[in-house]
Amino acid sequence: QPQLVESGGGLVQPGGSLRLSCVASGFDLHYYAIVWFRQAPGKEREGVSCISSSGDKTNYTDSAKGRFTISRDTAKNTVLMQMNSLRPEDTAVYSCAAVHRFRSGADCTNTLVSDSAVNYWGKGTLVTVSS
């Protein structure tokens, strides 16, 4: 059964850091791009970062550029997102999603990946940035 499981969320003070993990099982991560989405209360879900199936292309939404870094360890079937200089507006549920490399958005030209392109979703992990 294909599955994505996120971890690493929690409560952090403004300016702090967190590292989110997305572990894949039941499918071969080599063939999938991974997109991190987030959804804050009362707001639409947005793509935050994207890494291509080969790992050679990454992209970030403007608010994450320079602060977040996405990476993948295919041997461990894991994608990480390091988040630094966190702000209260980063508070959200963060979910990872797998997009097959032949589907729209998998090239990570941007983080505007539609829900219909996603093959598998994780359930999410809550990040709260507050003093």
Foldseek 3Di string as FASTA:
>chain_A
DWAWAKDWADEAAQQAKIKMKIAIPDDQLLQWKKWKWWDDPPGDIFTAKIAASNRPDMEGDPVQPPFKDWGDDRVRRMIMIIGGRDDQVVWTWMKMFIFGNPFPCNRPPDRPDDPVRTDDIHPTDTHGYHD
